[in-house]
Amino acid sequence: MWVKAFSWSGVVACSSLYGMLFLIIRYLMAIGDMNHVQFSLLLFLIPGVLAGLMSKEAPLTVLLLAILLASPPCLALMQLSTFHSVGLGQEIAIITSAVFWCASGTVAVMLTRTLMEMRQRQRQEENRKHG
């Protein structure tokens, strides 16, 4: 069954971290601190890396499920007067950017893991030839 293919603890951890980062970055946007917002979007690499490290079999599934669970409550909180909503189109643009950076972090972990496994197999073959 596909539900057993990924880690629920990874989904909860990534969802929580994604939600906290989203709210912090939107708060920075609300107070007008745009210098920090541009670089803050890179922080979305962290939930992606976390998803990649917590689930070896299906890291992208963990990440996408975490984002699907965290985004609606974040969007609902953005409608509060505290955050000065910038419109649904802008909110979706921010979420799209967050998804891109999260997925980039996950893909980086997957690539690193694949390269390390290839290197390990290569060393094992060299040891067999020489040993």
C-alpha atoms as a PDB file:
ATOM      1  CA  MET A   1       0.000   0.000   0.000  1.00  0.00           C
ATOM      2  CA  TRP A   2       1.305   3.462  -0.884  1.00  0.00           C
ATOM      3  CA  VAL A   3       0.668   4.837   2.630  1.00  0.00           C
ATOM      4  CA  LYS A   4       3.479   2.661   4.030  1.00  0.00           C
ATOM      5  CA  ALA A   5       5.933   3.983   1.426  1.00  0.00           C
ATOM      6  CA  PHE A   6       6.663   7.149   3.373  1.00  0.00           C
ATOM      7  CA  SER A   7       7.271   8.339   6.888  1.00  0.00           C
ATOM      8  CA  TRP A   8       4.368  10.025   8.686  1.00  0.00           C
ATOM      9  CA  SER A   9       6.801  11.542  11.151  1.00  0.00           C
ATOM     10  CA  GLY A  10       8.574  13.124   8.182  1.00  0.00           C
ATOM     11  CA  VAL A  11       5.279  14.533   6.919  1.00  0.00           C
ATOM     12  CA  VAL A  12       4.485  16.059  10.318  1.00  0.00           C
ATOM     13  CA  ALA A  13       7.989  17.496  10.766  1.00  0.00           C
ATOM     14  CA  CYS A  14       8.141  18.965   7.259  1.00  0.00           C
ATOM     15  CA  SER A  15       4.608  20.303   7.489  1.00  0.00           C
ATOM     16  CA  SER A  16       5.325  22.039  10.794  1.00  0.00           C
ATOM     17  CA  LEU A  17       8.592  23.533   9.593  1.00  0.00           C
ATOM     18  CA  TYR A  18       7.062  24.627   6.283  1.00  0.00           C
ATOM     19  CA  GLY A  19       4.140  26.298   8.087  1.00  0.00           C
ATOM     20  CA  MET A  20       6.386  28.135  10.544  1.00  0.00           C
ATOM     21  CA  LEU A  21       8.679  29.377   7.784  1.00  0.00           C
ATOM     22  CA  PHE A  22       5.725  30.473   5.678  1.00  0.00           C
ATOM     23  CA  LEU A  23       4.230  32.492   8.525  1.00  0.00           C
ATOM     24  CA  ILE A  24       7.581  34.090   9.426  1.00  0.00           C
ATOM     25  CA  ILE A  25       8.285  35.112   5.844  1.00  0.00           C
ATOM     26  CA  ARG A  26       4.773  36.469   5.356  1.00  0.00           C
ATOM     27  CA  TYR A  27       5.146  38.435   8.600  1.00  0.00           C
ATOM     28  CA  LEU A  28       8.372  39.959   7.268  1.00  0.00           C
ATOM     29  CA  MET A  29       6.473  40.900   4.103  1.00  0.00           C
ATOM     30  CA  ALA A  30       3.676  42.439   6.159  1.00  0.00           C
ATOM     31  CA  ILE A  31       6.050  44.711   8.078  1.00  0.00           C
ATOM     32  CA  GLY A  32       7.730  45.736   4.837  1.00  0.00           C
ATOM     33  CA  ASP A  33      11.169  44.192   5.420  1.00  0.00           C
ATOM     34  CA  MET A  34      11.652  43.117   1.788  1.00  0.00           C
ATOM     35  CA  ASN A  35      15.457  42.880   2.045  1.00  0.00           C
ATOM     36  CA  HIS A  36      15.170  39.887   4.352  1.00  0.00           C
ATOM     37  CA  VAL A  37      12.265  38.314   2.441  1.00  0.00           C
ATOM     38  CA  GLN A  38      14.293  37.796  -0.723  1.00  0.00           C
ATOM     39  CA  PHE A  39      16.889  35.694   1.076  1.00  0.00           C
ATOM     40  CA  SER A  40      14.375  34.160   3.474  1.00  0.00           C
ATOM     41  CA  LEU A  41      12.777  32.194   0.657  1.00  0.00           C
ATOM     42  CA  LEU A  42      15.971  30.125   0.565  1.00  0.00           C
ATOM     43  CA  LEU A  43      15.060  28.872   4.036  1.00  0.00           C
ATOM     44  CA  PHE A  44      12.438  26.713   2.331  1.00  0.00           C
ATOM     45  CA  LEU A  45      15.328  24.446   1.331  1.00  0.00           C
ATOM     46  CA  ILE A  46      15.357  23.184   4.930  1.00  0.00           C
ATOM     47  CA  PRO A  47      11.957  21.392   4.898  1.00  0.00           C
ATOM     48  CA  GLY A  48      12.957  19.860   1.558  1.00  0.00           C
ATOM     49  CA  VAL A  49      16.243  18.589   2.930  1.00  0.00           C
ATOM     50  CA  LEU A  50      14.423  17.284   5.991  1.00  0.00           C
ATOM     51  CA  ALA A  51      11.961  15.380   3.802  1.00  0.00           C
ATOM     52  CA  GLY A  52      14.827  13.916   1.802  1.00  0.00           C
ATOM     53  CA  LEU A  53      16.628  12.770   4.929  1.00  0.00           C
ATOM     54  CA  MET A  54      13.575  11.365   6.708  1.00  0.00           C
ATOM     55  CA  SER A  55      12.241   9.286   3.831  1.00  0.00           C
ATOM     56  CA  LYS A  56      14.554   7.273   1.636  1.00  0.00           C
ATOM     57  CA  GLU A  57      11.845   5.598  -0.445  1.00  0.00           C
ATOM     58  CA  ALA A  58       9.535   8.519  -1.274  1.00  0.00           C
ATOM     59  CA  PRO A  59      10.969  11.892  -0.232  1.00  0.00           C
ATOM     60  CA  LEU A  60       9.038  13.924  -2.789  1.00  0.00           C
ATOM     61  CA  THR A  61       5.799  12.294  -1.689  1.00  0.00           C
ATOM     62  CA  VAL A  62       6.534  13.231   1.920  1.00  0.00           C
ATOM     63  CA  LEU A  63       7.294  16.788   0.892  1.00  0.00           C
ATOM     64  CA  LEU A  64       4.234  17.252  -1.303  1.00  0.00           C
ATOM     65  CA  LEU A  65       1.920  15.777   1.315  1.00  0.00           C
ATOM     66  CA  ALA A  66       3.440  18.064   3.962  1.00  0.00           C
ATOM     67  CA  ILE A  67       2.915  21.101   1.735  1.00  0.00           C
ATOM     68  CA  LEU A  68      -0.662  20.069   0.944  1.00  0.00           C
ATOM     69  CA  LEU A  69      -1.392  19.751   4.662  1.00  0.00           C
ATOM     70  CA  ALA A  70       0.300  23.007   5.702  1.00  0.00           C
ATOM     71  CA  SER A  71      -0.715  25.401   2.917  1.00  0.00           C
ATOM     72  CA  PRO A  72      -4.492  25.697   3.558  1.00  0.00           C
ATOM     73  CA  PRO A  73      -4.111  26.673   7.240  1.00  0.00           C
ATOM     74  CA  CYS A  74      -1.370  29.133   6.280  1.00  0.00           C
ATOM     75  CA  LEU A  75      -3.600  30.697   3.635  1.00  0.00           C
ATOM     76  CA  ALA A  76      -6.444  30.910   6.141  1.00  0.00           C
ATOM     77  CA  LEU A  77      -4.189  32.690   8.652  1.00  0.00           C
ATOM     78  CA  MET A  78      -3.112  35.136   5.954  1.00  0.00           C
ATOM     79  CA  GLN A  79      -6.657  36.426   5.770  1.00  0.00           C
ATOM     80  CA  LEU A  80      -6.324  37.876   9.275  1.00  0.00           C
ATOM     81  CA  SER A  81      -5.902  41.624   9.409  1.00  0.00           C
ATOM     82  CA  THR A  82      -2.475  41.243  11.055  1.00  0.00           C
ATOM     83  CA  PHE A  83      -0.837  40.063   7.849  1.00  0.00           C
ATOM     84  CA  HIS A  84      -2.320  42.594   5.405  1.00  0.00           C
ATOM     85  CA  SER A  85      -3.343  40.173   2.702  1.00  0.00           C
ATOM     86  CA  VAL A  86      -1.793  41.004  -0.656  1.00  0.00           C
ATOM     87  CA  GLY A  87      -4.340  39.048  -2.641  1.00  0.00           C
ATOM     88  CA  LEU A  88      -4.808  35.431  -3.532  1.00  0.00           C
ATOM     89  CA  GLY A  89      -2.628  35.661  -6.648  1.00  0.00           C
ATOM     90  CA  GLN A  90       0.347  36.922  -4.641  1.00  0.00           C
ATOM     91  CA  GLU A  91      -0.210  34.283  -1.947  1.00  0.00           C
ATOM     92  CA  ILE A  92      -0.214  31.540  -4.595  1.00  0.00           C
ATOM     93  CA  ALA A  93       2.988  32.993  -6.071  1.00  0.00           C
ATOM     94  CA  ILE A  94       4.636  32.807  -2.654  1.00  0.00           C
ATOM     95  CA  ILE A  95       3.474  29.230  -2.144  1.00  0.00           C
ATOM     96  CA  THR A  96       4.706  28.281  -5.622  1.00  0.00           C
ATOM     97  CA  SER A  97       8.115  29.730  -4.815  1.00  0.00           C
ATOM     98  CA  ALA A  98       8.148  27.874  -1.501  1.00  0.00           C
ATOM     99  CA  VAL A  99       7.269  24.598  -3.234  1.00  0.00           C
ATOM    100  CA  PHE A 100      10.094  25.150  -5.742  1.00  0.00           C
ATOM    101  CA  TRP A 101      12.696  25.713  -3.025  1.00  0.00           C
ATOM    102  CA  CYS A 102      11.420  22.813  -0.909  1.00  0.00           C
ATOM    103  CA  ALA A 103      11.539  20.476  -3.903  1.00  0.00           C
ATOM    104  CA  SER A 104      15.039  21.732  -4.737  1.00  0.00           C
ATOM    105  CA  GLY A 105      16.214  20.744  -1.262  1.00  0.00           C
ATOM    106  CA  THR A 106      14.663  17.292  -1.597  1.00  0.00           C
ATOM    107  CA  VAL A 107      16.131  16.725  -5.046  1.00  0.00           C
ATOM    108  CA  ALA A 108      19.572  17.819  -3.776  1.00  0.00           C
ATOM    109  CA  VAL A 109      19.408  15.177  -1.029  1.00  0.00           C
ATOM    110  CA  MET A 110      18.236  12.544  -3.514  1.00  0.00           C
ATOM    111  CA  LEU A 111      21.073  13.419  -5.903  1.00  0.00           C
ATOM    112  CA  THR A 112      23.658  13.347  -3.114  1.00  0.00           C
ATOM    113  CA  ARG A 113      22.364   9.990  -1.900  1.00  0.00           C
ATOM    114  CA  THR A 114      22.483   8.545  -5.424  1.00  0.00           C
ATOM    115  CA  LEU A 115      26.014   9.810  -6.033  1.00  0.00           C
ATOM    116  CA  MET A 116      27.192   8.393  -2.706  1.00  0.00           C
ATOM    117  CA  GLU A 117      25.666   4.998  -3.527  1.00  0.00           C
ATOM    118  CA  MET A 118      27.335   5.010  -6.951  1.00  0.00           C
ATOM    119  CA  ARG A 119      30.667   5.880  -5.342  1.00  0.00           C
ATOM    120  CA  GLN A 120      30.230   3.080  -2.801  1.00  0.00           C
ATOM    121  CA  ARG A 121      29.473   0.522  -5.545  1.00  0.00           C
ATOM    122  CA  GLN A 122      32.508   1.719  -7.497  1.00  0.00           C
ATOM    123  CA  ARG A 123      34.760   1.240  -4.469  1.00  0.00           C
ATOM    124  CA  GLN A 124      33.328  -2.232  -3.856  1.00  0.00           C
ATOM    125  CA  GLU A 125      34.073  -3.220  -7.458  1.00  0.00           C
ATOM    126  CA  GLU A 126      37.616  -1.873  -7.164  1.00  0.00           C
ATOM    127  CA  ASN A 127      38.123  -3.852  -3.951  1.00  0.00           C
ATOM    128  CA  ARG A 128      36.920  -7.048  -5.651  1.00  0.00           C
ATOM    129  CA  LYS A 129      39.327  -6.522  -8.539  1.00  0.00           C
ATOM    130  CA  HIS A 130      42.319  -5.850  -6.282  1.00  0.00           C
ATOM    131  CA  GLY A 131      41.410  -8.071  -3.385  1.00  0.00           C
END
